Amino acid sequence: MKIEFNKEQFENLMKLVYLGNWMANANRTDDRIEKYEDLESYVFSFAKNFGLEEYVDDESVGDGKFYPTRFFEEETDINELHDEYDDETFWTELSDHLGERDFMRKYSKDDWDKMTQEERFLKRQECEIGWEEEFEKNGIERLEIREK
């Protein structure tokens, strides 16, 4: 099988592979998923064929692999995409966790067992929406940890 890309498509493929590997491995240390790193290196190995050599470094480590350069990370929209993802994930996760906490505080195990799956979903969602509205209006300005 042969797949052909124009320069713009290949640059977008590089970004997608980079973002996928970043998502899979950014928080890992000793347990990195090598198959994703290897695929990123393989895709990046073709960058010079598309005139994108400034995006790839294959010499600094000397291991025969191809890595994104600082230029790739700073001069494309990769950092912007990271930031957008992180920002949205932060607010979503925070609302989800606080909404779940509030749901568990508001309803007993007996209440929870009597609810249908749909009722549990809707009541938990109400708790989450309250936090979403709070954060949309005030950000984290009103969040505090109080001593008991």
C-alpha atoms as a PDB file:
ATOM      1  CA  MET A   1       0.000   0.000   0.000  1.00  0.00           C
ATOM      2  CA  LYS A   2       1.197   3.490  -0.785  1.00  0.00           C
ATOM      3  CA  ILE A   3      -0.195   6.663   0.755  1.00  0.00           C
ATOM      4  CA  GLU A   4       0.578  10.031  -0.764  1.00  0.00           C
ATOM      5  CA  PHE A   5       0.524  13.388   1.044  1.00  0.00           C
ATOM      6  CA  ASN A   6       1.069  16.926  -0.050  1.00  0.00           C
ATOM      7  CA  LYS A   7       3.273  19.118   2.165  1.00  0.00           C
ATOM      8  CA  GLU A   8       0.375  20.574   4.165  1.00  0.00           C
ATOM      9  CA  GLN A   9      -1.181  17.162   4.760  1.00  0.00           C
ATOM     10  CA  PHE A  10       2.143  15.733   5.893  1.00  0.00           C
ATOM     11  CA  GLU A  11       2.736  18.638   8.281  1.00  0.00           C
ATOM     12  CA  ASN A  12      -0.724  18.024   9.747  1.00  0.00           C
ATOM     13  CA  LEU A  13       0.078  14.313  10.053  1.00  0.00           C
ATOM     14  CA  MET A  14       3.259  15.193  11.944  1.00  0.00           C
ATOM     15  CA  LYS A  15       1.243  17.340  14.339  1.00  0.00           C
ATOM     16  CA  LEU A  16      -1.359  14.624  14.904  1.00  0.00           C
ATOM     17  CA  VAL A  17       1.272  11.955  15.533  1.00  0.00           C
ATOM     18  CA  TYR A  18       3.164  14.294  17.854  1.00  0.00           C
ATOM     19  CA  LEU A  19      -0.015  15.149  19.792  1.00  0.00           C
ATOM     20  CA  GLY A  20      -1.001  11.485  20.031  1.00  0.00           C
ATOM     21  CA  ASN A  21       2.412  10.493  21.357  1.00  0.00           C
ATOM     22  CA  TRP A  22       2.372  13.461  23.721  1.00  0.00           C
ATOM     23  CA  MET A  23      -1.011  12.426  25.100  1.00  0.00           C
ATOM     24  CA  ALA A  24       0.124   8.827  25.559  1.00  0.00           C
ATOM     25  CA  ASN A  25       3.575   9.546  27.015  1.00  0.00           C
ATOM     26  CA  ALA A  26       3.774  13.063  28.451  1.00  0.00           C
ATOM     27  CA  ASN A  27       3.110  11.942  32.019  1.00  0.00           C
ATOM     28  CA  ARG A  28       5.171   8.776  31.864  1.00  0.00           C
ATOM     29  CA  THR A  29       8.779   8.200  32.877  1.00  0.00           C
ATOM     30  CA  ASP A  30       9.963   4.596  32.979  1.00  0.00           C
ATOM     31  CA  ASP A  31       6.834   3.145  31.415  1.00  0.00           C
ATOM     32  CA  ARG A  32       6.755   5.095  28.149  1.00  0.00           C
ATOM     33  CA  ILE A  33       4.818   3.466  25.321  1.00  0.00           C
ATOM     34  CA  GLU A  34       7.590   2.871  22.824  1.00  0.00           C
ATOM     35  CA  LYS A  35       5.362   1.865  19.921  1.00  0.00           C
ATOM     36  CA  TYR A  36       3.990   5.431  19.817  1.00  0.00           C
ATOM     37  CA  GLU A  37       7.438   6.981  20.093  1.00  0.00           C
ATOM     38  CA  ASP A  38       8.665   4.684  17.319  1.00  0.00           C
ATOM     39  CA  LEU A  39       5.752   5.633  15.078  1.00  0.00           C
ATOM     40  CA  GLU A  40       6.390   9.332  15.718  1.00  0.00           C
ATOM     41  CA  SER A  41      10.051   8.824  14.803  1.00  0.00           C
ATOM     42  CA  TYR A  42       9.093   6.930  11.661  1.00  0.00           C
ATOM     43  CA  VAL A  43       6.681   9.621  10.474  1.00  0.00           C
ATOM     44  CA  PHE A  44       9.177  12.368  11.327  1.00  0.00           C
ATOM     45  CA  SER A  45      11.862  10.536   9.328  1.00  0.00           C
ATOM     46  CA  PHE A  46      10.042  11.603   6.137  1.00  0.00           C
ATOM     47  CA  ALA A  47       9.944  15.311   7.017  1.00  0.00           C
ATOM     48  CA  LYS A  48      12.958  16.202   4.883  1.00  0.00           C
ATOM     49  CA  ASN A  49      11.196  14.727   1.837  1.00  0.00           C
ATOM     50  CA  PHE A  50       8.518  17.392   2.301  1.00  0.00           C
ATOM     51  CA  GLY A  51      10.878  20.304   2.940  1.00  0.00           C
ATOM     52  CA  LEU A  52      10.160  20.248   6.670  1.00  0.00           C
ATOM     53  CA  GLU A  53      13.664  19.477   7.890  1.00  0.00           C
ATOM     54  CA  GLU A  54      13.517  22.338  10.417  1.00  0.00           C
ATOM     55  CA  TYR A  55      10.902  20.299  12.300  1.00  0.00           C
ATOM     56  CA  VAL A  56      13.147  17.268  12.796  1.00  0.00           C
ATOM     57  CA  ASP A  57      16.311  16.490  14.714  1.00  0.00           C
ATOM     58  CA  ASP A  58      18.007  13.168  14.120  1.00  0.00           C
ATOM     59  CA  GLU A  59      21.513  14.005  15.285  1.00  0.00           C
ATOM     60  CA  SER A  60      21.456  15.345  18.845  1.00  0.00           C
ATOM     61  CA  VAL A  61      20.828  12.025  20.584  1.00  0.00           C
ATOM     62  CA  GLY A  62      22.618   9.781  18.111  1.00  0.00           C
ATOM     63  CA  ASP A  63      20.211   6.870  18.474  1.00  0.00           C
ATOM     64  CA  GLY A  64      18.961   6.853  14.877  1.00  0.00           C
ATOM     65  CA  LYS A  65      15.553   8.181  15.861  1.00  0.00           C
ATOM     66  CA  PHE A  66      13.858  11.353  14.660  1.00  0.00           C
ATOM     67  CA  TYR A  67      12.590  13.896  17.172  1.00  0.00           C
ATOM     68  CA  PRO A  68      10.611  17.125  16.914  1.00  0.00           C
ATOM     69  CA  THR A  69      12.767  20.215  17.162  1.00  0.00           C
ATOM     70  CA  ARG A  70      12.153  23.207  19.372  1.00  0.00           C
ATOM     71  CA  PHE A  71      11.283  25.058  16.162  1.00  0.00           C
ATOM     72  CA  PHE A  72       8.470  22.556  15.485  1.00  0.00           C
ATOM     73  CA  GLU A  73       7.150  22.947  19.020  1.00  0.00           C
ATOM     74  CA  GLU A  74       7.413  26.739  19.124  1.00  0.00           C
ATOM     75  CA  GLU A  75       6.659  27.832  15.560  1.00  0.00           C
ATOM     76  CA  THR A  76       3.652  25.645  14.810  1.00  0.00           C
ATOM     77  CA  ASP A  77       0.347  25.687  16.645  1.00  0.00           C
ATOM     78  CA  ILE A  78       1.323  22.650  18.757  1.00  0.00           C
ATOM     79  CA  ASN A  79       1.730  24.604  22.017  1.00  0.00           C
ATOM     80  CA  GLU A  80      -1.547  26.413  21.429  1.00  0.00           C
ATOM     81  CA  LEU A  81      -3.282  23.072  20.901  1.00  0.00           C
ATOM     82  CA  HIS A  82      -1.673  21.710  24.101  1.00  0.00           C
ATOM     83  CA  ASP A  83      -2.800  24.750  26.056  1.00  0.00           C
ATOM     84  CA  GLU A  84      -6.355  24.614  24.735  1.00  0.00           C
ATOM     85  CA  TYR A  85      -6.598  20.922  25.559  1.00  0.00           C
ATOM     86  CA  ASP A  86      -5.127  21.358  29.036  1.00  0.00           C
ATOM     87  CA  ASP A  87      -7.362  24.319  29.819  1.00  0.00           C
ATOM     88  CA  GLU A  88     -10.559  22.590  28.736  1.00  0.00           C
ATOM     89  CA  THR A  89      -9.575  19.355  30.461  1.00  0.00           C
ATOM     90  CA  PHE A  90      -8.818  21.196  33.700  1.00  0.00           C
ATOM     91  CA  TRP A  91     -12.278  22.795  33.899  1.00  0.00           C
ATOM     92  CA  THR A  92     -14.080  19.636  32.797  1.00  0.00           C
ATOM     93  CA  GLU A  93     -12.260  17.393  35.271  1.00  0.00           C
ATOM     94  CA  LEU A  94     -12.655  19.871  38.115  1.00  0.00           C
ATOM     95  CA  SER A  95     -16.408  20.179  37.504  1.00  0.00           C
ATOM     96  CA  ASP A  96     -16.755  16.403  37.161  1.00  0.00           C
ATOM     97  CA  HIS A  97     -14.898  15.620  40.374  1.00  0.00           C
ATOM     98  CA  LEU A  98     -16.615  18.285  42.450  1.00  0.00           C
ATOM     99  CA  GLY A  99     -19.993  17.382  40.977  1.00  0.00           C
ATOM    100  CA  GLU A 100     -19.471  13.722  41.841  1.00  0.00           C
ATOM    101  CA  ARG A 101     -18.385  14.665  45.348  1.00  0.00           C
ATOM    102  CA  ASP A 102     -21.461  16.819  45.843  1.00  0.00           C
ATOM    103  CA  PHE A 103     -23.738  14.112  44.444  1.00  0.00           C
ATOM    104  CA  MET A 104     -22.298  11.564  46.886  1.00  0.00           C
ATOM    105  CA  ARG A 105     -22.733  14.017  49.761  1.00  0.00           C
ATOM    106  CA  LYS A 106     -26.281  14.910  48.788  1.00  0.00           C
ATOM    107  CA  TYR A 107     -27.633  11.390  48.300  1.00  0.00           C
ATOM    108  CA  SER A 108     -27.210   8.379  50.560  1.00  0.00           C
ATOM    109  CA  LYS A 109     -26.346   4.935  49.291  1.00  0.00           C
ATOM    110  CA  ASP A 110     -29.993   3.972  49.813  1.00  0.00           C
ATOM    111  CA  ASP A 111     -31.125   6.964  47.713  1.00  0.00           C
ATOM    112  CA  TRP A 112     -28.603   6.054  45.062  1.00  0.00           C
ATOM    113  CA  ASP A 113     -29.779   2.413  44.947  1.00  0.00           C
ATOM    114  CA  LYS A 114     -33.410   3.490  44.493  1.00  0.00           C
ATOM    115  CA  MET A 115     -32.608   5.708  41.506  1.00  0.00           C
ATOM    116  CA  THR A 116     -32.654   4.490  37.941  1.00  0.00           C
ATOM    117  CA  GLN A 117     -29.448   4.861  35.993  1.00  0.00           C
ATOM    118  CA  GLU A 118     -30.978   7.819  34.162  1.00  0.00           C
ATOM    119  CA  GLU A 119     -32.013   9.512  37.430  1.00  0.00           C
ATOM    120  CA  ARG A 120     -28.496   9.090  38.847  1.00  0.00           C
ATOM    121  CA  PHE A 121     -27.029  10.515  35.670  1.00  0.00           C
ATOM    122  CA  LEU A 122     -29.351  13.538  35.669  1.00  0.00           C
ATOM    123  CA  LYS A 123     -28.890  14.293  39.370  1.00  0.00           C
ATOM    124  CA  ARG A 124     -25.132  13.986  39.113  1.00  0.00           C
ATOM    125  CA  GLN A 125     -25.186  16.157  36.015  1.00  0.00           C
ATOM    126  CA  GLU A 126     -27.109  18.819  37.973  1.00  0.00           C
ATOM    127  CA  CYS A 127     -24.281  18.862  40.505  1.00  0.00           C
ATOM    128  CA  GLU A 128     -21.677  19.168  37.762  1.00  0.00           C
ATOM    129  CA  ILE A 129     -23.572  21.921  35.944  1.00  0.00           C
ATOM    130  CA  GLY A 130     -23.632  23.966  39.111  1.00  0.00           C
ATOM    131  CA  TRP A 131     -19.831  23.882  39.170  1.00  0.00           C
ATOM    132  CA  GLU A 132     -19.575  24.572  35.433  1.00  0.00           C
ATOM    133  CA  GLU A 133     -21.706  27.690  35.882  1.00  0.00           C
ATOM    134  CA  GLU A 134     -19.660  28.772  38.893  1.00  0.00           C
ATOM    135  CA  PHE A 135     -16.362  28.405  37.033  1.00  0.00           C
ATOM    136  CA  GLU A 136     -17.709  30.079  33.913  1.00  0.00           C
ATOM    137  CA  LYS A 137     -18.748  33.085  35.980  1.00  0.00           C
ATOM    138  CA  ASN A 138     -15.954  33.279  38.585  1.00  0.00           C
ATOM    139  CA  GLY A 139     -13.157  30.926  37.576  1.00  0.00           C
ATOM    140  CA  ILE A 140     -11.451  29.657  40.734  1.00  0.00           C
ATOM    141  CA  GLU A 141     -11.750  32.990  42.532  1.00  0.00           C
ATOM    142  CA  ARG A 142     -14.286  31.720  45.074  1.00  0.00           C
ATOM    143  CA  LEU A 143     -12.716  28.295  45.717  1.00  0.00           C
ATOM    144  CA  GLU A 144     -11.273  27.887  49.191  1.00  0.00           C
ATOM    145  CA  ILE A 145     -10.205  25.113  51.490  1.00  0.00           C
ATOM    146  CA  ARG A 146     -11.533  25.646  54.980  1.00  0.00           C
ATOM    147  CA  GLU A 147     -10.207  24.011  58.091  1.00  0.00           C
ATOM    148  CA  LYS A 148     -12.668  21.778  59.849  1.00  0.00           C
END
